[in-house]
Amino acid sequence: MGVIAYFYGFPQTPQSAFLCNIVIHCSLIFYVLKYFLSALFSVHSKKYIFKHKYQGIMIFLIILWFVFSYGFNFQHKFFNAIDIKNIGSMTMLIIQLYFFVMMLFDLSSIGQLFSKLKLGPGGWMISSFIFLISTGTVLLLLPEMTTGGISFIDALFTATSASCVTGLVTLNVATAFTFKGYIVILLLIQFGGINIVAFATFLSSFYVEKKLRYQSVMKEMLSTSLNGTQTLIKEILIYTFAIEIIGTLAFFLYWNHYHFYSDSVFDNLFLSIFHAISAFNNAGISFIDGGMTAPLFRWDHYTQIITGFLIFLGGIGFITIHNMLFSVRYNPNKLKYWSRLQVMSRLTLKVTLFLIVSGALLFLIFESNNSLQGASLGDRICTALLNTVSCRTAGFSTVDTGSLNVSTLLIFIFLMFVGAAPSSTGGGIKITTFYILIKSALATIKGKKEVSVCNRAIPFNLVDRAYAVVLFTLAFIFTGILILSISDPQFDFVNITFEVFSAIGTVGLSMGITPYLSIVGKATLILLMFIGRITIFTLAISVARRAMFTNYSLARTNLNI
């Protein structure tokens, strides 16, 4: 892995590139021989092959690639057709990707050693993000990742923003980073977006089988039975990559046909991959100068619709997507589709659509004589819908946020605070938390003893947890605004408040002040992005664990409210 990082991160001479290639080829051959020898000398060879079937598939692909790369010439025509002239470099890249995957398999085999560390679920969640951010920061500091160098604070900020799928940046991504830098940012977005799935997989592998209390946490986190957790995790990964592939094809076929971005097939393909992954993971990062405000996207309804749909799917959560697709396939009682959905899925869809529609209508009203002035009806509707969908968690915007009316900014702040659904790629306090708070307040006013949703009673421990999440989130917001007001007094209160809400909601919309913040201001936003991505989740787990061991109650007293 160190050789690969050196190969891509530093300028290479022909001699150093040749030595790196030899080391990587030898390492790859070592993994191939290791697999075959382990299978050959295993007591039960068939069981070994079945247990390591994914590694076997990788080995088969490696051999197949070598055969076609060095034994046939048809791939030359294929690569020339998609504007890739240097086939040797492409072959080397594929080999390195295979090597990287094989390293992951090898590391997963020693995962049992790490399970002995008594960090707890919350500790593992935090550690995984710290590791991802640290790795991304080191890679972005390498000379070949940027066009003119990058400071440590900017590298850390970019890595945190990408890993926490936020979208706030201190540099112009289009001009500050090279193609290799784009690749690093793309990988950070992908790993950061599905990190909750990787964490769930880790728990199910090392905790669920051993400790009953972690089984309860897993069941609550994924809203499924314990028997279906492993299957659900695999389906979530399938949904993630399937949606991203479909989104990539939707962008590529359109952009490549009309040559909106480039005449190169490869350039259009890479832009499609990057934009689809960034949209579905609600990252809001683009390497096009100006992002969605660029002429390429500004009034392009097709691009806006596909982008908004990907953001919507990423924001409703993996559990809702799974339940929606499962309900289509499975209907033993011949119920209507809506009735077959779980309460969680129905609540998610209703609240999400309500926020999008109401937010878009308010955007149309408040911006009719401002950013939408002179636009056609179709442009107004698409702009309002995309910006409303995006401001809840994604960060893509086709208008200059700094030019919006204060009334529109207040609506955006509210939507950023509420955020997306649980177990999604989005942030915020989550729409279920917001809905429970509203229902709890109404139940209190009406004198009801229970909080109900869809004719189902909500346990009071969930209501207490919702209040705790909101309280802690507001505390972090207040602290962030206070620090920025002291460290960067040149910016007004509205700009600072908007930036803080955008960071802790992992949204990425900006009033344009982020690049000009002091080091203290940038560090504050880094912490807020990190907190916004992991704290609500870890808090929920911590409360759930404590609830399992508190079987006593204290004497009651009354206080004035």
Protein backbone atom coordinates (compact mmCIF):
# COMPACT_ATOMS: atom_id res chain seq x y z
CA MET A 1 0.00 0.00 0.00
CA GLY A 2 2.91 2.32 0.73
CA VAL A 3 4.35 1.70 -2.74
CA ILE A 4 1.01 2.49 -4.37
CA ALA A 5 0.73 5.73 -2.36
CA TYR A 6 4.29 6.65 -3.38
CA PHE A 7 3.61 5.76 -7.03
CA TYR A 8 0.61 8.07 -7.30
CA GLY A 9 1.50 10.70 -4.73
CA PHE A 10 4.94 11.77 -5.94
CA PRO A 11 6.46 12.60 -9.33
CA GLN A 12 8.03 9.51 -10.89
CA THR A 13 11.12 8.96 -13.00
CA PRO A 14 11.12 6.03 -15.44
CA GLN A 15 13.40 4.10 -13.07
CA SER A 16 11.25 4.66 -9.95
CA ALA A 17 8.05 3.85 -11.86
CA PHE A 18 9.63 0.61 -13.12
CA LEU A 19 10.66 -0.42 -9.58
CA CYS A 20 7.19 0.37 -8.22
CA ASN A 21 5.61 -1.76 -10.93
CA ILE A 22 7.89 -4.68 -10.09
CA VAL A 23 7.06 -4.48 -6.37
CA ILE A 24 3.31 -4.29 -7.04
CA HIS A 25 3.40 -7.18 -9.53
CA CYS A 26 5.38 -9.33 -7.10
CA SER A 27 3.00 -8.51 -4.25
CA LEU A 28 0.04 -9.44 -6.43
CA ILE A 29 1.66 -12.72 -7.43
CA PHE A 30 2.26 -13.40 -3.74
CA TYR A 31 -1.47 -13.07 -3.00
CA VAL A 32 -2.38 -15.37 -5.89
CA LEU A 33 0.10 -18.05 -4.78
CA LYS A 34 -0.98 -17.66 -1.16
CA TYR A 35 -4.60 -18.35 -2.09
CA PHE A 36 -3.83 -21.43 -4.19
CA LEU A 37 -1.40 -22.89 -1.64
CA SER A 38 -3.84 -22.30 1.22
CA ALA A 39 -6.61 -24.02 -0.72
CA LEU A 40 -4.32 -26.87 -1.78
CA PHE A 41 -2.97 -27.67 1.69
CA SER A 42 -6.19 -27.04 3.57
CA VAL A 43 -7.74 -30.06 5.30
CA HIS A 44 -11.06 -29.29 3.61
CA SER A 45 -10.19 -27.59 0.33
CA LYS A 46 -13.79 -27.22 -0.83
CA LYS A 47 -14.82 -25.59 2.43
CA TYR A 48 -11.85 -23.23 2.22
CA ILE A 49 -12.76 -22.21 -1.34
CA PHE A 50 -16.39 -21.66 -0.37
CA LYS A 51 -15.45 -19.68 2.74
CA HIS A 52 -13.11 -17.46 0.71
CA LYS A 53 -15.25 -17.33 -2.43
CA TYR A 54 -14.93 -13.58 -2.84
CA GLN A 55 -11.17 -13.82 -2.78
CA GLY A 56 -11.46 -16.62 -5.32
CA ILE A 57 -13.48 -14.37 -7.60
CA MET A 58 -10.81 -11.69 -7.34
CA ILE A 59 -8.07 -14.21 -8.14
CA PHE A 60 -10.05 -15.39 -11.18
CA LEU A 61 -10.47 -11.81 -12.41
CA ILE A 62 -6.75 -11.15 -11.93
CA ILE A 63 -5.80 -14.18 -14.02
CA LEU A 64 -8.40 -13.29 -16.64
CA TRP A 65 -7.11 -9.75 -16.87
CA PHE A 66 -3.51 -10.93 -17.30
CA VAL A 67 -4.54 -13.36 -20.04
CA PHE A 68 -6.44 -10.72 -22.00
CA SER A 69 -3.86 -7.99 -21.38
CA TYR A 70 -0.81 -9.92 -22.48
CA GLY A 71 -2.27 -12.57 -24.74
CA PHE A 72 -4.85 -10.75 -26.89
CA ASN A 73 -5.14 -7.41 -28.63
CA PHE A 74 -8.90 -6.82 -28.71
CA GLN A 75 -8.74 -4.64 -25.61
CA HIS A 76 -6.67 -2.09 -27.57
CA LYS A 77 -9.64 -1.34 -29.81
CA PHE A 78 -11.94 -1.09 -26.78
CA PHE A 79 -9.70 1.36 -24.92
CA ASN A 80 -9.12 3.43 -28.04
CA ALA A 81 -12.90 3.67 -28.46
CA ILE A 82 -13.25 5.30 -25.05
CA ASP A 83 -10.25 7.59 -25.53
CA ILE A 84 -7.82 5.72 -23.28
CA LYS A 85 -4.56 5.59 -25.20
CA ASN A 86 -2.11 4.42 -22.54
CA ILE A 87 -3.24 0.84 -22.06
CA GLY A 88 -0.16 -0.01 -20.02
CA SER A 89 -1.08 2.59 -17.41
CA MET A 90 -4.66 1.35 -17.40
CA THR A 91 -3.46 -2.21 -16.88
CA MET A 92 -1.31 -1.04 -13.99
CA LEU A 93 -4.24 0.80 -12.45
CA ILE A 94 -6.45 -2.31 -12.61
CA ILE A 95 -3.69 -4.39 -11.03
CA GLN A 96 -3.35 -1.88 -8.20
CA LEU A 97 -7.11 -1.88 -7.61
CA TYR A 98 -7.05 -5.67 -7.40
CA PHE A 99 -4.13 -5.46 -4.99
CA PHE A 100 -6.01 -2.95 -2.83
CA VAL A 101 -9.06 -5.23 -2.64
CA MET A 102 -6.87 -8.21 -1.78
CA MET A 103 -5.31 -6.18 1.04
CA LEU A 104 -8.80 -5.48 2.39
CA PHE A 105 -9.56 -9.19 2.37
CA ASP A 106 -6.31 -9.87 4.21
CA LEU A 107 -7.02 -7.20 6.82
CA SER A 108 -10.54 -8.51 7.37
CA SER A 109 -9.11 -11.90 8.27
CA ILE A 110 -7.34 -10.39 11.31
CA GLY A 111 -10.38 -8.36 12.32
CA GLN A 112 -10.91 -10.65 15.30
CA LEU A 113 -7.81 -9.14 16.90
CA PHE A 114 -9.36 -5.67 16.84
CA SER A 115 -12.61 -6.94 18.29
CA LYS A 116 -10.77 -7.56 21.57
CA LEU A 117 -10.36 -3.80 22.03
CA LYS A 118 -13.13 -2.69 24.38
CA LEU A 119 -14.16 0.45 22.51
CA GLY A 120 -17.87 -0.28 22.33
CA PRO A 121 -20.09 0.43 19.30
CA GLY A 122 -19.81 4.21 19.64
CA GLY A 123 -16.05 4.02 19.92
CA TRP A 124 -15.76 1.92 16.78
CA MET A 125 -18.01 4.31 14.87
CA ILE A 126 -15.89 7.31 15.86
CA SER A 127 -12.62 5.44 15.24
CA SER A 128 -13.67 4.40 11.74
CA PHE A 129 -14.34 8.00 10.72
CA ILE A 130 -11.12 9.25 12.33
CA PHE A 131 -9.17 6.62 10.40
CA LEU A 132 -10.92 7.52 7.12
CA ILE A 133 -10.38 11.26 7.61
CA SER A 134 -6.74 10.80 8.65
CA THR A 135 -6.01 8.62 5.62
CA GLY A 136 -7.69 11.10 3.30
CA THR A 137 -5.75 14.01 4.79
CA VAL A 138 -2.40 12.28 4.30
CA LEU A 139 -3.25 11.36 0.71
CA LEU A 140 -4.41 14.89 -0.17
CA LEU A 141 -1.12 16.30 1.18
CA LEU A 142 0.86 14.30 -1.41
CA PRO A 143 2.34 16.51 -4.17
CA GLU A 144 0.55 14.80 -7.07
CA MET A 145 -2.93 15.34 -5.59
CA THR A 146 -3.01 19.12 -6.00
CA THR A 147 -2.00 21.60 -8.67
CA GLY A 148 -0.08 23.93 -6.40
CA GLY A 149 0.21 22.37 -2.98
CA ILE A 150 -2.20 22.45 -0.04
CA SER A 151 -1.94 23.38 3.63
CA PHE A 152 -2.62 20.86 6.37
CA ILE A 153 -5.79 22.62 7.58
CA ASP A 154 -7.23 22.71 4.03
CA ALA A 155 -6.37 19.05 3.44
CA LEU A 156 -7.96 18.10 6.76
CA PHE A 157 -11.01 20.24 6.00
CA THR A 158 -11.48 18.69 2.54
CA ALA A 159 -10.98 15.14 3.81
CA THR A 160 -13.47 15.72 6.65
CA SER A 161 -16.02 17.31 4.34
CA ALA A 162 -15.79 14.42 1.86
CA SER A 163 -15.75 11.66 4.53
CA CYS A 164 -18.67 13.21 6.40
CA VAL A 165 -20.44 13.79 3.03
CA THR A 166 -20.87 17.49 3.79
CA GLY A 167 -19.66 19.47 0.79
CA LEU A 168 -18.16 22.56 2.42
CA VAL A 169 -14.77 23.35 0.87
CA THR A 170 -12.05 25.88 1.52
CA LEU A 171 -10.55 25.53 -1.96
CA ASN A 172 -11.93 25.50 -5.48
CA VAL A 173 -12.06 21.76 -6.14
CA ALA A 174 -12.03 22.31 -9.92
CA THR A 175 -8.69 24.13 -9.95
CA ALA A 176 -6.94 23.10 -6.71
CA PHE A 177 -6.90 19.33 -7.25
CA THR A 178 -5.59 17.07 -9.99
CA PHE A 179 -7.35 14.04 -11.41
CA LYS A 180 -5.67 11.90 -8.74
CA GLY A 181 -7.02 14.28 -6.11
CA TYR A 182 -10.52 13.85 -7.56
CA ILE A 183 -10.13 10.09 -7.16
CA VAL A 184 -9.18 10.45 -3.49
CA ILE A 185 -12.13 12.77 -2.81
CA LEU A 186 -14.47 10.38 -4.63
CA LEU A 187 -13.30 7.41 -2.54
CA LEU A 188 -13.70 9.41 0.67
CA ILE A 189 -17.28 10.29 -0.32
CA GLN A 190 -18.09 6.67 -1.13
CA PHE A 191 -16.57 5.21 2.03
CA GLY A 192 -18.02 7.98 4.17
CA GLY A 193 -21.49 7.56 2.71
CA ILE A 194 -21.69 3.83 3.38
CA ASN A 195 -19.65 3.91 6.58
CA ILE A 196 -22.76 3.22 8.62
CA VAL A 197 -23.20 0.00 6.61
CA ALA A 198 -19.55 -0.97 7.13
CA PHE A 199 -19.97 -0.28 10.84
CA ALA A 200 -23.10 -2.39 10.97
CA THR A 201 -21.24 -5.20 9.22
CA PHE A 202 -18.43 -4.94 11.75
CA LEU A 203 -20.85 -5.15 14.67
CA SER A 204 -22.71 -8.09 13.20
CA SER A 205 -19.42 -9.94 12.66
CA PHE A 206 -17.72 -9.36 15.99
CA TYR A 207 -20.40 -8.35 18.49
CA VAL A 208 -23.78 -9.79 17.60
CA GLU A 209 -22.74 -13.40 17.88
CA LYS A 210 -21.15 -12.85 21.30
CA LYS A 211 -23.00 -10.22 23.30
CA LEU A 212 -26.74 -9.99 23.69
CA ARG A 213 -26.77 -6.29 24.44
CA TYR A 214 -25.15 -5.49 21.07
CA GLN A 215 -27.77 -7.65 19.36
CA SER A 216 -30.44 -5.32 20.68
CA VAL A 217 -28.53 -2.30 19.41
CA MET A 218 -28.18 -3.86 15.95
CA LYS A 219 -31.86 -4.74 15.86
CA GLU A 220 -32.85 -1.20 16.79
CA MET A 221 -30.36 0.43 14.44
CA LEU A 222 -31.45 -1.49 11.36
CA SER A 223 -35.14 -1.89 12.32
CA THR A 224 -35.14 -5.58 11.49
CA SER A 225 -35.06 -8.97 13.13
CA LEU A 226 -31.72 -10.33 14.23
CA ASN A 227 -31.99 -13.20 11.78
CA GLY A 228 -32.34 -10.78 8.87
CA THR A 229 -29.54 -8.37 9.77
CA GLN A 230 -26.77 -9.98 7.72
CA THR A 231 -29.02 -10.36 4.67
CA LEU A 232 -30.20 -6.77 4.98
CA ILE A 233 -26.64 -5.45 5.09
CA LYS A 234 -25.79 -7.26 1.85
CA GLU A 235 -28.94 -5.89 0.22
CA ILE A 236 -28.07 -2.36 1.36
CA LEU A 237 -24.68 -2.63 -0.34
CA ILE A 238 -26.38 -3.93 -3.49
CA TYR A 239 -28.89 -1.06 -3.44
CA THR A 240 -26.12 1.48 -2.98
CA PHE A 241 -24.02 0.39 -5.93
CA ALA A 242 -27.04 -0.39 -8.12
CA ILE A 243 -28.48 3.12 -7.64
CA GLU A 244 -25.09 4.71 -8.26
CA ILE A 245 -24.58 2.69 -11.44
CA ILE A 246 -28.04 3.59 -12.73
CA GLY A 247 -27.42 7.25 -11.91
CA THR A 248 -24.05 7.11 -13.68
CA LEU A 249 -25.64 5.66 -16.81
CA ALA A 250 -28.42 8.26 -16.75
CA PHE A 251 -25.88 11.09 -16.65
CA PHE A 252 -23.40 9.52 -19.06
CA LEU A 253 -25.84 8.67 -21.85
CA TYR A 254 -27.19 12.23 -21.78
CA TRP A 255 -23.94 14.16 -21.35
CA ASN A 256 -21.98 12.03 -23.81
CA HIS A 257 -24.70 12.31 -26.47
CA TYR A 258 -24.86 16.11 -26.33
CA HIS A 259 -21.17 16.65 -25.38
CA PHE A 260 -22.16 19.17 -22.71
CA TYR A 261 -18.96 18.69 -20.74
CA SER A 262 -16.38 17.22 -23.11
CA ASP A 263 -15.95 15.42 -26.41
CA SER A 264 -14.01 12.70 -24.58
CA VAL A 265 -15.99 9.62 -23.63
CA PHE A 266 -13.72 8.97 -20.66
CA ASP A 267 -14.11 12.52 -19.31
CA ASN A 268 -17.89 12.29 -19.58
CA LEU A 269 -17.87 8.88 -17.91
CA PHE A 270 -15.74 10.05 -14.98
CA LEU A 271 -17.90 13.14 -14.48
CA SER A 272 -20.99 10.91 -14.47
CA ILE A 273 -19.49 8.56 -11.89
CA PHE A 274 -18.35 11.41 -9.65
CA HIS A 275 -21.63 13.31 -9.85
CA ALA A 276 -23.79 10.20 -9.27
CA ILE A 277 -21.81 9.11 -6.19
CA SER A 278 -21.69 12.65 -4.81
CA ALA A 279 -25.45 13.09 -5.30
CA PHE A 280 -26.57 9.74 -3.87
CA ASN A 281 -24.27 10.08 -0.86
CA ASN A 282 -25.57 13.62 -0.35
CA ALA A 283 -22.03 15.04 -0.51
CA GLY A 284 -22.67 18.00 -2.81
CA ILE A 285 -19.06 18.12 -4.06
CA SER A 286 -18.34 18.70 -7.75
CA PHE A 287 -15.11 19.25 -9.69
CA ILE A 288 -16.91 21.48 -12.21
CA ASP A 289 -15.98 25.12 -11.66
CA GLY A 290 -19.01 26.71 -10.03
CA GLY A 291 -20.70 23.39 -9.23
CA MET A 292 -24.40 23.26 -10.04
CA THR A 293 -24.43 27.02 -10.68
CA ALA A 294 -22.21 26.47 -13.73
CA PRO A 295 -23.87 26.95 -17.16
CA LEU A 296 -23.56 23.19 -17.66
CA PHE A 297 -26.16 22.55 -14.92
CA ARG A 298 -27.88 25.89 -14.18
CA TRP A 299 -30.97 25.48 -16.40
CA ASP A 300 -30.55 21.84 -17.46
CA HIS A 301 -33.79 20.24 -16.27
CA TYR A 302 -32.69 16.66 -17.02
CA THR A 303 -29.54 16.95 -14.90
CA GLN A 304 -31.45 18.66 -12.10
CA ILE A 305 -34.17 15.98 -12.03
CA ILE A 306 -31.71 13.06 -11.97
CA THR A 307 -29.57 14.80 -9.33
CA GLY A 308 -32.60 15.57 -7.18
CA PHE A 309 -33.86 11.99 -7.45
CA LEU A 310 -30.48 10.56 -6.38
CA ILE A 311 -30.37 12.96 -3.43
CA PHE A 312 -33.93 11.94 -2.50
CA LEU A 313 -33.04 8.22 -2.54
CA GLY A 314 -29.93 8.79 -0.45
CA GLY A 315 -31.88 10.91 2.01
CA ILE A 316 -34.79 8.56 2.72
CA GLY A 317 -32.48 5.87 4.08
CA PHE A 318 -31.44 2.35 3.18
CA ILE A 319 -34.12 0.78 5.36
CA THR A 320 -36.91 2.64 3.57
CA ILE A 321 -35.52 1.70 0.15
CA HIS A 322 -35.29 -1.94 1.23
CA ASN A 323 -38.84 -1.90 2.59
CA MET A 324 -40.23 -0.25 -0.55
CA LEU A 325 -38.64 -2.81 -2.86
CA PHE A 326 -39.52 -5.73 -0.57
CA SER A 327 -43.16 -4.61 -0.44
CA VAL A 328 -43.31 -4.71 -4.23
CA ARG A 329 -42.10 -8.31 -4.34
CA TYR A 330 -43.91 -9.68 -1.27
CA ASN A 331 -47.67 -9.32 -0.72
CA PRO A 332 -49.19 -12.50 0.80
CA ASN A 333 -52.24 -10.72 2.25
CA LYS A 334 -53.09 -8.79 -0.94
CA LEU A 335 -52.86 -5.44 0.82
CA LYS A 336 -52.48 -2.08 -0.86
CA TYR A 337 -48.90 -0.98 -1.40
CA TRP A 338 -49.00 1.83 1.17
CA SER A 339 -50.41 -0.51 3.83
CA ARG A 340 -47.61 -3.01 3.24
CA LEU A 341 -44.94 -0.47 4.14
CA GLN A 342 -43.56 -0.35 7.66
CA VAL A 343 -44.56 2.54 9.90
CA MET A 344 -41.00 3.87 9.68
CA SER A 345 -41.09 3.90 5.87
CA ARG A 346 -44.50 5.56 5.71
CA LEU A 347 -43.44 8.22 8.19
CA THR A 348 -40.19 8.85 6.32
CA LEU A 349 -41.90 9.26 2.96
CA LYS A 350 -44.72 11.47 4.28
CA VAL A 351 -42.50 13.86 6.22
CA THR A 352 -39.88 13.99 3.45
CA LEU A 353 -42.43 14.82 0.74
CA PHE A 354 -44.12 17.37 3.01
CA LEU A 355 -40.82 19.17 3.66
CA ILE A 356 -39.87 19.13 -0.03
CA VAL A 357 -43.23 20.39 -1.33
CA SER A 358 -43.72 23.04 1.36
CA GLY A 359 -40.10 24.17 1.08
CA ALA A 360 -40.33 24.44 -2.72
CA LEU A 361 -43.53 26.48 -2.53
CA LEU A 362 -41.98 28.89 -0.02
CA PHE A 363 -38.86 29.14 -2.20
CA LEU A 364 -41.03 30.05 -5.20
CA ILE A 365 -42.81 32.72 -3.19
CA PHE A 366 -39.78 34.28 -1.48
CA GLU A 367 -37.49 34.21 -4.54
CA SER A 368 -40.01 35.14 -7.25
CA ASN A 369 -38.57 38.67 -7.50
CA ASN A 370 -35.00 37.74 -6.65
CA SER A 371 -33.08 34.69 -7.90
CA LEU A 372 -36.04 33.45 -9.99
CA GLN A 373 -36.80 36.76 -11.61
CA GLY A 374 -37.10 36.42 -15.39
CA ALA A 375 -37.02 32.60 -15.33
CA SER A 376 -39.63 30.47 -17.10
CA LEU A 377 -42.18 28.43 -15.16
CA GLY A 378 -40.26 25.20 -15.80
CA ASP A 379 -37.00 26.77 -14.66
CA ARG A 380 -38.66 28.10 -11.52
CA ILE A 381 -40.16 24.73 -10.56
CA CYS A 382 -36.96 22.74 -11.20
CA THR A 383 -34.83 25.29 -9.36
CA ALA A 384 -37.18 25.36 -6.37
CA LEU A 385 -37.44 21.57 -6.14
CA LEU A 386 -33.72 20.84 -6.52
CA ASN A 387 -32.63 23.49 -4.05
CA THR A 388 -35.24 22.37 -1.50
CA VAL A 389 -34.27 18.71 -1.85
CA SER A 390 -30.58 19.59 -1.73
CA CYS A 391 -30.63 22.01 1.20
CA ARG A 392 -31.96 19.29 3.52
CA THR A 393 -28.64 17.49 3.37
CA ALA A 394 -26.88 17.43 -0.03
CA GLY A 395 -25.45 20.89 -0.72
CA PHE A 396 -25.96 21.08 -4.49
CA SER A 397 -27.39 24.48 -5.41
CA THR A 398 -28.18 26.08 -8.75
CA VAL A 399 -28.42 29.57 -7.22
CA ASP A 400 -25.93 31.76 -5.40
CA THR A 401 -26.77 31.15 -1.75
CA GLY A 402 -25.28 34.48 -0.75
CA SER A 403 -27.81 36.35 -2.91
CA LEU A 404 -30.91 34.72 -1.41
CA ASN A 405 -33.41 36.65 0.70
CA VAL A 406 -33.15 36.33 4.48
CA SER A 407 -36.59 34.66 4.56
CA THR A 408 -35.33 31.98 2.16
CA LEU A 409 -32.18 31.49 4.24
CA LEU A 410 -34.33 30.92 7.33
CA ILE A 411 -36.27 28.20 5.49
CA PHE A 412 -32.98 26.63 4.40
CA ILE A 413 -31.65 26.73 7.98
CA PHE A 414 -34.76 24.97 9.23
CA LEU A 415 -34.51 22.27 6.54
CA MET A 416 -30.79 21.78 7.24
CA PHE A 417 -31.55 21.40 10.94
CA VAL A 418 -34.21 18.73 10.34
CA GLY A 419 -32.10 16.88 7.79
CA ALA A 420 -32.73 13.46 6.28
CA ALA A 421 -33.99 10.06 7.46
CA PRO A 422 -32.21 7.68 9.87
CA SER A 423 -29.79 5.12 8.36
CA SER A 424 -29.38 7.40 5.34
CA THR A 425 -26.41 9.23 3.85
CA GLY A 426 -27.78 12.56 5.14
CA GLY A 427 -27.40 14.46 8.40
CA GLY A 428 -29.45 16.74 10.63
CA ILE A 429 -31.43 15.74 13.70
CA LYS A 430 -33.39 13.38 11.37
CA ILE A 431 -36.99 13.72 10.25
CA THR A 432 -38.21 11.05 12.67
CA THR A 433 -36.78 13.03 15.59
CA PHE A 434 -38.50 16.17 14.34
CA TYR A 435 -41.82 14.35 13.88
CA ILE A 436 -41.67 12.76 17.33
CA LEU A 437 -41.05 16.17 18.90
CA ILE A 438 -44.07 17.66 17.12
CA LYS A 439 -46.30 14.73 18.10
CA SER A 440 -45.03 14.85 21.68
CA ALA A 441 -45.77 18.58 21.98
CA LEU A 442 -49.28 18.09 20.55
CA ALA A 443 -49.93 15.15 22.88
CA THR A 444 -48.87 17.29 25.86
CA ILE A 445 -51.16 20.15 24.81
CA LYS A 446 -54.09 17.77 24.31
CA GLY A 447 -53.44 16.01 27.62
CA LYS A 448 -52.75 12.62 26.05
CA LYS A 449 -50.70 10.08 27.94
CA GLU A 450 -49.19 8.51 24.81
CA VAL A 451 -47.43 9.74 21.69
CA SER A 452 -48.80 7.89 18.68
CA VAL A 453 -47.75 7.55 15.04
CA CYS A 454 -49.95 5.74 12.49
CA ASN A 455 -52.07 4.28 15.30
CA ARG A 456 -48.96 2.99 17.05
CA ALA A 457 -47.72 4.20 20.45
CA ILE A 458 -44.18 5.58 20.59
CA PRO A 459 -42.17 4.39 23.64
CA PHE A 460 -41.26 7.22 25.98
CA ASN A 461 -37.58 6.28 25.82
CA LEU A 462 -37.64 7.25 22.12
CA VAL A 463 -39.30 10.56 22.98
CA ASP A 464 -36.63 11.22 25.61
CA ARG A 465 -33.92 10.33 23.10
CA ALA A 466 -35.41 12.73 20.53
CA TYR A 467 -35.30 15.58 23.05
CA ALA A 468 -31.72 14.66 23.97
CA VAL A 469 -30.62 14.69 20.31
CA VAL A 470 -32.15 18.12 19.72
CA LEU A 471 -30.72 19.54 22.96
CA PHE A 472 -27.18 18.39 22.21
CA THR A 473 -27.41 19.54 18.59
CA LEU A 474 -28.55 23.02 19.64
CA ALA A 475 -25.75 23.14 22.20
CA PHE A 476 -23.15 22.39 19.52
CA ILE A 477 -24.74 24.95 17.19
CA PHE A 478 -24.65 27.65 19.87
CA THR A 479 -21.03 26.82 20.69
CA GLY A 480 -20.04 26.89 17.02
CA ILE A 481 -21.69 30.25 16.40
CA LEU A 482 -20.04 31.68 19.52
CA ILE A 483 -16.55 30.51 18.50
CA LEU A 484 -16.88 31.76 14.92
CA SER A 485 -18.20 35.12 16.14
CA ILE A 486 -15.03 35.50 18.21
CA SER A 487 -12.50 34.07 15.72
CA ASP A 488 -13.98 35.71 12.60
CA PRO A 489 -15.77 38.89 13.66
CA GLN A 490 -15.56 40.33 10.13
CA PHE A 491 -18.54 38.18 9.06
CA ASP A 492 -22.09 39.03 10.07
CA PHE A 493 -24.33 36.89 12.25
CA VAL A 494 -26.47 35.52 9.39
CA ASN A 495 -23.44 34.25 7.43
CA ILE A 496 -21.91 32.60 10.49
CA THR A 497 -25.19 31.02 11.58
CA PHE A 498 -25.86 29.63 8.11
CA GLU A 499 -22.36 28.15 7.87
CA VAL A 500 -22.64 26.47 11.28
CA PHE A 501 -26.03 24.92 10.49
CA SER A 502 -24.68 23.73 7.14
CA ALA A 503 -21.68 22.09 8.81
CA ILE A 504 -23.45 20.30 11.63
CA GLY A 505 -26.26 19.24 9.28
CA THR A 506 -23.60 17.87 6.86
CA VAL A 507 -25.28 19.87 4.08
CA GLY A 508 -22.52 21.84 2.38
CA LEU A 509 -24.34 25.00 1.33
CA SER A 510 -22.25 28.09 1.95
CA MET A 511 -22.63 31.85 2.05
CA GLY A 512 -19.15 32.00 0.54
CA ILE A 513 -17.24 32.68 3.75
CA THR A 514 -15.72 29.23 4.39
CA PRO A 515 -12.52 29.76 2.31
CA TYR A 516 -11.84 33.01 4.17
CA LEU A 517 -12.26 31.73 7.72
CA SER A 518 -9.36 31.74 10.14
CA ILE A 519 -7.65 28.51 11.18
CA VAL A 520 -9.77 28.48 14.34
CA GLY A 521 -12.92 28.99 12.26
CA LYS A 522 -12.02 26.18 9.86
CA ALA A 523 -11.16 23.87 12.77
CA THR A 524 -14.54 24.65 14.34
CA LEU A 525 -16.38 23.69 11.15
CA ILE A 526 -14.28 20.51 10.91
CA LEU A 527 -15.42 19.48 14.39
CA LEU A 528 -19.03 20.39 13.62
CA MET A 529 -19.00 18.31 10.41
CA PHE A 530 -17.54 15.37 12.30
CA ILE A 531 -20.02 15.76 15.16
CA GLY A 532 -22.93 16.11 12.76
CA ARG A 533 -22.02 12.86 11.05
CA ILE A 534 -21.48 10.62 14.07
CA THR A 535 -22.71 12.10 17.35
CA ILE A 536 -26.46 11.62 16.96
CA PHE A 537 -25.90 8.01 15.97
CA THR A 538 -23.49 7.25 18.79
CA LEU A 539 -25.73 9.07 21.28
CA ALA A 540 -28.65 6.87 20.28
CA ILE A 541 -26.56 3.74 20.83
CA SER A 542 -25.26 4.98 24.18
CA VAL A 543 -28.78 5.74 25.43
CA ALA A 544 -30.01 2.36 24.21
CA ARG A 545 -27.20 0.55 26.06
CA ARG A 546 -27.82 2.40 29.29
CA ALA A 547 -31.54 1.73 29.10
CA MET A 548 -30.84 -1.98 29.22
CA PHE A 549 -29.18 -1.76 32.63
CA THR A 550 -31.35 0.79 34.50
CA ASN A 551 -34.13 -1.24 36.12
CA TYR A 552 -34.74 1.12 39.03
CA SER A 553 -36.45 4.48 39.57
CA LEU A 554 -35.90 7.29 42.08
CA ALA A 555 -38.42 9.16 44.19
CA ARG A 556 -40.31 11.81 42.20
CA THR A 557 -40.47 15.56 42.75
CA ASN A 558 -42.23 18.43 40.97
CA LEU A 559 -40.69 21.53 39.39
CA ASN A 560 -42.26 24.61 37.84
CA ILE A 561 -42.12 24.74 34.03
